[in-house]
N, C-alpha and C. Protein backbone atom coordinates (compact mmCIF):
# COMPACT_ATOMS: atom_id res chain seq x y z
N MET A 1 -93.14 -3.27 29.77
CA MET A 1 -93.81 -1.82 29.05
C MET A 1 -95.27 -1.59 30.10
N SER A 2 -95.05 -0.59 30.58
CA SER A 2 -96.72 0.16 30.87
C SER A 2 -97.46 0.11 30.22
N VAL A 3 -98.99 0.28 30.68
CA VAL A 3 -100.16 0.10 30.22
C VAL A 3 -100.54 1.70 29.88
N VAL A 4 -99.81 2.54 30.16
CA VAL A 4 -99.96 3.84 29.53
C VAL A 4 -98.50 3.73 28.35
N GLY A 5 -97.51 3.19 28.40
CA GLY A 5 -96.72 3.12 26.79
C GLY A 5 -97.61 2.30 25.92
N ILE A 6 -97.93 1.50 26.00
CA ILE A 6 -98.53 0.28 25.31
C ILE A 6 -99.79 1.25 24.49
N LEU A 7 -100.46 2.08 25.38
CA LEU A 7 -101.37 3.37 24.82
C LEU A 7 -100.44 4.16 23.72
N GLU A 8 -99.41 4.49 24.21
CA GLU A 8 -99.24 5.80 23.44
C GLU A 8 -98.56 4.95 22.34
N TRP A 9 -97.90 3.76 22.13
CA TRP A 9 -97.44 3.20 21.51
C TRP A 9 -98.62 2.86 20.28
N ALA A 10 -99.46 2.48 21.06
CA ALA A 10 -100.66 1.80 19.86
C ALA A 10 -101.31 3.18 18.87
N GLU A 11 -101.56 4.25 20.21
CA GLU A 11 -101.75 5.35 19.43
C GLU A 11 -100.72 6.48 18.37
N ASN A 12 -99.52 6.12 18.43
CA ASN A 12 -98.67 6.62 17.71
C ASN A 12 -98.65 5.64 16.73
N ASP A 13 -98.68 4.31 16.65
CA ASP A 13 -99.14 3.75 15.61
C ASP A 13 -100.31 3.68 14.55
N GLU A 14 -101.46 4.32 15.51
CA GLU A 14 -102.66 4.23 14.59
C GLU A 14 -102.40 5.65 13.62
N ARG A 15 -101.88 6.64 14.71
CA ARG A 15 -101.36 8.00 13.47
C ARG A 15 -100.53 7.51 12.40
N HIS A 16 -99.34 6.83 12.71
CA HIS A 16 -98.59 6.47 11.45
C HIS A 16 -99.42 5.86 10.65
N SER A 17 -100.21 4.88 10.62
CA SER A 17 -100.93 3.86 9.99
C SER A 17 -102.15 5.05 9.02
N LYS A 18 -102.67 5.51 9.87
CA LYS A 18 -104.18 6.99 8.96
C LYS A 18 -102.57 7.65 8.54
N LYS A 19 -101.34 8.52 8.53
CA LYS A 19 -100.85 8.79 7.83
C LYS A 19 -100.25 8.05 6.64
N LYS A 20 -99.86 7.17 6.50
CA LYS A 20 -99.39 6.03 5.56
C LYS A 20 -100.74 5.74 4.65
N TYR A 21 -102.27 5.59 5.17
CA TYR A 21 -102.83 5.95 4.54
C TYR A 21 -103.41 6.80 3.74
N LEU A 22 -103.41 7.83 4.17
CA LEU A 22 -103.80 8.95 3.58
C LEU A 22 -102.45 9.29 2.32
N GLU A 23 -101.62 9.31 2.67
CA GLU A 23 -100.28 9.62 1.63
C GLU A 23 -100.64 8.48 0.71
N ILE A 24 -100.85 7.10 0.43
CA ILE A 24 -101.48 6.56 -0.27
C ILE A 24 -102.40 6.70 -1.04
N ILE A 25 -103.60 7.22 -0.55
CA ILE A 25 -104.87 7.62 -1.11
C ILE A 25 -104.49 8.76 -2.05
N GLU A 26 -103.53 9.95 -1.37
CA GLU A 26 -103.18 11.34 -2.02
C GLU A 26 -102.63 10.54 -3.34
N ALA A 27 -101.56 9.65 -3.04
CA ALA A 27 -100.84 9.14 -4.58
C ALA A 27 -101.63 8.55 -5.41
N GLU A 28 -102.47 8.17 -5.10
CA GLU A 28 -103.47 7.25 -6.37
C GLU A 28 -104.31 8.50 -6.97
N LYS A 29 -104.75 9.54 -5.57
CA LYS A 29 -105.30 10.52 -6.73
C LYS A 29 -104.54 11.39 -7.66
N GLU A 30 -103.17 11.59 -7.61
CA GLU A 30 -102.09 12.05 -8.09
C GLU A 30 -102.31 11.47 -9.41
N ASP A 31 -102.14 10.01 -9.26
CA ASP A 31 -101.91 9.13 -10.24
C ASP A 31 -102.86 9.30 -11.35
N LYS A 32 -104.13 9.21 -10.37
CA LYS A 32 -105.26 9.16 -11.39
C LYS A 32 -105.70 10.71 -12.02
N LEU A 33 -104.97 12.00 -11.46
CA LEU A 33 -105.21 12.98 -12.41
C LEU A 33 -104.55 12.97 -13.45
N LEU A 34 -103.06 12.62 -13.19
CA LEU A 34 -101.99 12.53 -14.11
C LEU A 34 -102.61 11.37 -15.29
N ARG A 35 -103.01 10.45 -15.30
CA ARG A 35 -103.77 9.62 -15.97
C ARG A 35 -104.78 10.24 -17.16
N ASP A 36 -105.68 10.89 -16.24
CA ASP A 36 -106.89 11.67 -16.60
C ASP A 36 -106.39 12.43 -17.44
N LYS A 37 -105.32 13.47 -17.22
CA LYS A 37 -104.65 14.75 -17.84
C LYS A 37 -103.99 13.87 -19.30
N LYS A 38 -103.43 12.72 -18.97
CA LYS A 38 -102.64 12.11 -20.34
C LYS A 38 -104.17 11.68 -21.42
N ALA A 39 -104.97 11.24 -20.24
CA ALA A 39 -105.77 10.74 -21.45
C ALA A 39 -106.62 11.71 -22.07
N THR A 40 -106.52 12.94 -21.89
CA THR A 40 -107.34 14.18 -22.14
C THR A 40 -106.43 14.70 -23.28
N GLY A 41 -105.50 14.70 -22.84
CA GLY A 41 -104.45 15.23 -23.66
C GLY A 41 -104.27 14.59 -25.28
N ASP A 42 -104.24 12.67 -24.77
CA ASP A 42 -104.41 11.94 -26.00
C ASP A 42 -105.50 12.16 -26.68
N LYS A 43 -106.96 12.45 -26.19
CA LYS A 43 -108.04 12.78 -26.79
C LYS A 43 -108.01 14.01 -27.60
N GLN A 44 -107.37 14.66 -26.83
CA GLN A 44 -107.37 16.38 -27.86
C GLN A 44 -106.62 16.38 -28.89
N ALA A 45 -105.04 15.56 -28.92
CA ALA A 45 -104.33 15.78 -29.88
C ALA A 45 -104.84 14.46 -30.69
N LYS A 46 -105.74 13.94 -30.92
CA LYS A 46 -106.75 12.74 -32.02
C LYS A 46 -107.62 13.95 -32.74
N GLU A 47 -108.36 14.56 -31.80
CA GLU A 47 -109.25 15.03 -32.59
C GLU A 47 -108.49 16.23 -33.34
N ILE A 48 -107.19 16.90 -32.57
CA ILE A 48 -106.92 17.89 -33.49
C ILE A 48 -106.12 17.39 -35.02
N ARG A 49 -105.76 16.02 -34.96
CA ARG A 49 -105.30 15.18 -36.14
C ARG A 49 -106.40 14.94 -37.02
N LYS A 50 -107.90 14.50 -36.12
CA LYS A 50 -108.89 14.94 -37.00
C LYS A 50 -108.79 15.63 -38.07
N LEU A 51 -109.11 16.72 -36.93
CA LEU A 51 -109.22 18.29 -37.97
C LEU A 51 -108.90 18.46 -38.96
N VAL A 52 -106.78 18.37 -38.90
CA VAL A 52 -106.14 18.56 -39.67
C VAL A 52 -105.98 17.88 -41.12
N LYS A 53 -106.81 16.54 -40.62
CA LYS A 53 -107.10 15.31 -41.62
C LYS A 53 -108.07 16.32 -42.67
N LYS A 54 -109.44 16.42 -41.89
CA LYS A 54 -110.71 16.89 -42.60
C LYS A 54 -110.06 18.03 -43.33
N GLN A 55 -109.51 19.56 -42.71
CA GLN A 55 -108.47 20.29 -43.37
C GLN A 55 -107.94 20.07 -45.15
N GLN A 56 -106.95 19.05 -44.81
CA GLN A 56 -106.26 18.73 -45.92
C GLN A 56 -107.18 18.29 -46.94
N GLU A 57 -108.03 17.53 -46.33
CA GLU A 57 -109.35 16.63 -47.40
C GLU A 57 -109.88 17.95 -48.09
N ARG A 58 -110.52 18.77 -47.62
CA ARG A 58 -111.27 20.40 -47.86
C ARG A 58 -110.40 20.96 -48.83
N LYS A 59 -108.93 20.80 -48.55
CA LYS A 59 -108.28 21.81 -49.22
C LYS A 59 -107.91 20.94 -50.69
N GLY A 60 -107.59 19.84 -50.56
CA GLY A 60 -107.36 19.04 -51.53
C GLY A 60 -108.84 18.67 -52.53
N LYS A 61 -109.77 19.02 -52.17
CA LYS A 61 -111.14 18.75 -53.06
C LYS A 61 -111.22 20.16 -53.40
N LEU A 62 -110.82 21.21 -52.47
CA LEU A 62 -111.06 22.36 -53.41
C LEU A 62 -110.07 22.61 -54.35
N ASN A 63 -108.52 22.47 -54.37
CA ASN A 63 -107.74 22.32 -55.32
C ASN A 63 -108.50 21.84 -56.48
N GLU A 64 -108.87 20.65 -56.04
CA GLU A 64 -109.18 19.63 -57.39
C GLU A 64 -110.23 20.56 -58.12
N LYS A 65 -111.50 20.99 -57.58
CA LYS A 65 -112.23 22.05 -58.35
C LYS A 65 -111.81 22.89 -58.60
N ASP A 66 -110.93 23.39 -58.04
CA ASP A 66 -109.95 24.54 -58.44
C ASP A 66 -109.23 24.65 -59.94
N GLU A 67 -108.60 23.41 -60.10
CA GLU A 67 -108.03 23.01 -61.37
C GLU A 67 -108.91 22.57 -62.41
N LYS A 68 -109.90 22.14 -62.13
CA LYS A 68 -110.98 21.36 -62.83
C LYS A 68 -111.87 22.80 -63.63
N LEU A 69 -112.03 24.06 -62.64
CA LEU A 69 -112.40 24.87 -62.88
C LEU A 69 -111.55 25.68 -64.19
N GLN A 70 -110.14 25.92 -63.35
CA GLN A 70 -109.58 26.62 -64.64
C GLN A 70 -108.94 25.66 -65.67
N GLY A 71 -108.89 24.01 -65.76
CA GLY A 71 -109.19 23.45 -67.12
C GLY A 71 -110.15 23.72 -67.52
N LYS A 72 -111.05 23.96 -67.45
CA LYS A 72 -112.42 24.38 -68.07
C LYS A 72 -112.52 25.46 -68.69
N GLY A 73 -111.89 26.29 -67.94
CA GLY A 73 -112.07 27.85 -68.03
C GLY A 73 -110.74 27.73 -69.29
N LEU A 74 -109.76 27.03 -69.46
CA LEU A 74 -108.47 26.79 -70.26
C LEU A 74 -109.00 26.46 -71.84
N SER A 75 -110.20 25.36 -71.59
CA SER A 75 -110.36 24.75 -72.71
C SER A 75 -111.49 25.28 -73.15
N GLU A 76 -112.30 26.30 -72.75
CA GLU A 76 -113.34 27.46 -72.98
C GLU A 76 -112.88 28.23 -74.11
N ASP A 77 -111.46 28.64 -73.43
CA ASP A 77 -110.65 29.78 -73.85
C ASP A 77 -110.16 29.49 -75.57
N LEU A 78 -109.80 28.29 -75.41
CA LEU A 78 -108.78 27.54 -76.36
C LEU A 78 -109.56 26.98 -77.71
N GLU A 79 -110.93 26.67 -77.28
CA GLU A 79 -112.39 26.79 -77.77
C GLU A 79 -112.31 27.83 -78.69
N ARG A 80 -112.58 29.21 -78.08
CA ARG A 80 -113.29 30.48 -78.48
C ARG A 80 -112.00 30.76 -79.15
N ALA A 81 -110.64 31.02 -78.85
CA ALA A 81 -109.87 30.93 -80.35
C ALA A 81 -109.92 30.33 -81.22
N ASN A 82 -110.17 29.01 -81.26
CA ASN A 82 -110.18 28.81 -82.47
C ASN A 82 -110.92 29.08 -83.74
N GLU A 83 -112.35 29.15 -82.67
CA GLU A 83 -113.26 29.82 -83.58
C GLU A 83 -113.10 31.00 -83.81
N LEU A 84 -112.40 32.02 -83.32
CA LEU A 84 -112.16 33.64 -83.86
C LEU A 84 -111.09 33.23 -84.78
N MET A 85 -110.20 32.40 -84.45
CA MET A 85 -109.39 31.79 -86.15
C MET A 85 -109.77 31.33 -87.20
N SER A 86 -110.59 30.46 -87.07
CA SER A 86 -111.87 29.55 -87.84
C SER A 86 -112.31 30.85 -88.67
N GLU A 87 -113.00 32.06 -87.93
CA GLU A 87 -113.59 33.18 -88.47
C GLU A 87 -112.38 33.91 -89.26
N ALA A 88 -111.65 33.95 -88.68
CA ALA A 88 -110.56 35.39 -89.06
C ALA A 88 -110.23 34.70 -90.74
N ASN A 89 -109.94 33.48 -90.59
CA ASN A 89 -109.40 32.26 -92.01
C ASN A 89 -110.24 32.64 -92.75
N GLY A 90 -111.73 32.31 -92.26
CA GLY A 90 -113.25 32.35 -93.32
C GLY A 90 -113.09 33.74 -93.95
N ARG A 91 -112.78 34.78 -93.23
CA ARG A 91 -112.87 36.32 -93.65
C ARG A 91 -111.42 36.08 -94.91
N LEU A 92 -110.40 35.84 -94.15
CA LEU A 92 -109.49 36.21 -95.11
C LEU A 92 -109.35 35.13 -96.60
N ALA A 93 -110.35 34.50 -96.11
CA ALA A 93 -110.53 33.46 -97.70
C ALA A 93 -111.40 34.36 -98.64
N ALA A 94 -112.26 34.67 -98.02
CA ALA A 94 -113.68 35.73 -98.81
C ALA A 94 -113.20 37.10 -99.52
N ALA A 95 -111.88 37.35 -98.78
CA ALA A 95 -111.41 38.71 -98.81
C ALA A 95 -110.12 37.99 -100.22
N ILE A 96 -109.53 37.36 -100.05
CA ILE A 96 -108.45 36.65 -101.18
C ILE A 96 -109.81 36.83 -102.04
N LYS A 97 -110.57 36.19 -102.54
CA LYS A 97 -111.65 35.64 -103.55
C LYS A 97 -112.32 36.95 -104.01
N ALA A 98 -112.40 37.86 -103.20
CA ALA A 98 -113.22 39.35 -103.84
C ALA A 98 -111.81 40.14 -104.74
N LYS A 99 -110.62 39.78 -104.22
CA LYS A 99 -109.67 40.27 -104.79
C LYS A 99 -108.86 39.85 -105.95
N ASP A 100 -109.63 38.41 -106.17
CA ASP A 100 -109.10 37.46 -106.84
C ASP A 100 -107.18 37.40 -107.58
N PHE A 101 -106.73 37.20 -106.05
CA PHE A 101 -105.13 37.10 -105.98
C PHE A 101 -104.70 35.69 -107.22
C-alpha cells in the first residue's frame, strides 16, 4: 500500500470514527431527552394525582360540613315543631278547660 493510500485510509477511518462518535452522542442526547420527558411526565402525573386527592378531600370536608349543617337544621326544625306542638297542646287544654267538656 502506498503512502497516499494509507493516508486516505486513515482519513476515511478518522471520518468514520467521528461519524460514529457523533451518532453515539446524538443517541445519548435523544435518550436523555426521552428520560427527562418521562421524568417530567411522571412528575406532572404525580402532581395531578396530589391535586385530585386534595380536591377530593376538600369535597369530602365540604360534604361533611353540609351534612352537619343539614342535620343541625333538621334538628332545629324538629325542635321548633315540638315547641309549636307543645304550645298548641297547651292552648287546646286551656280551651277545653274554659268550655268545661
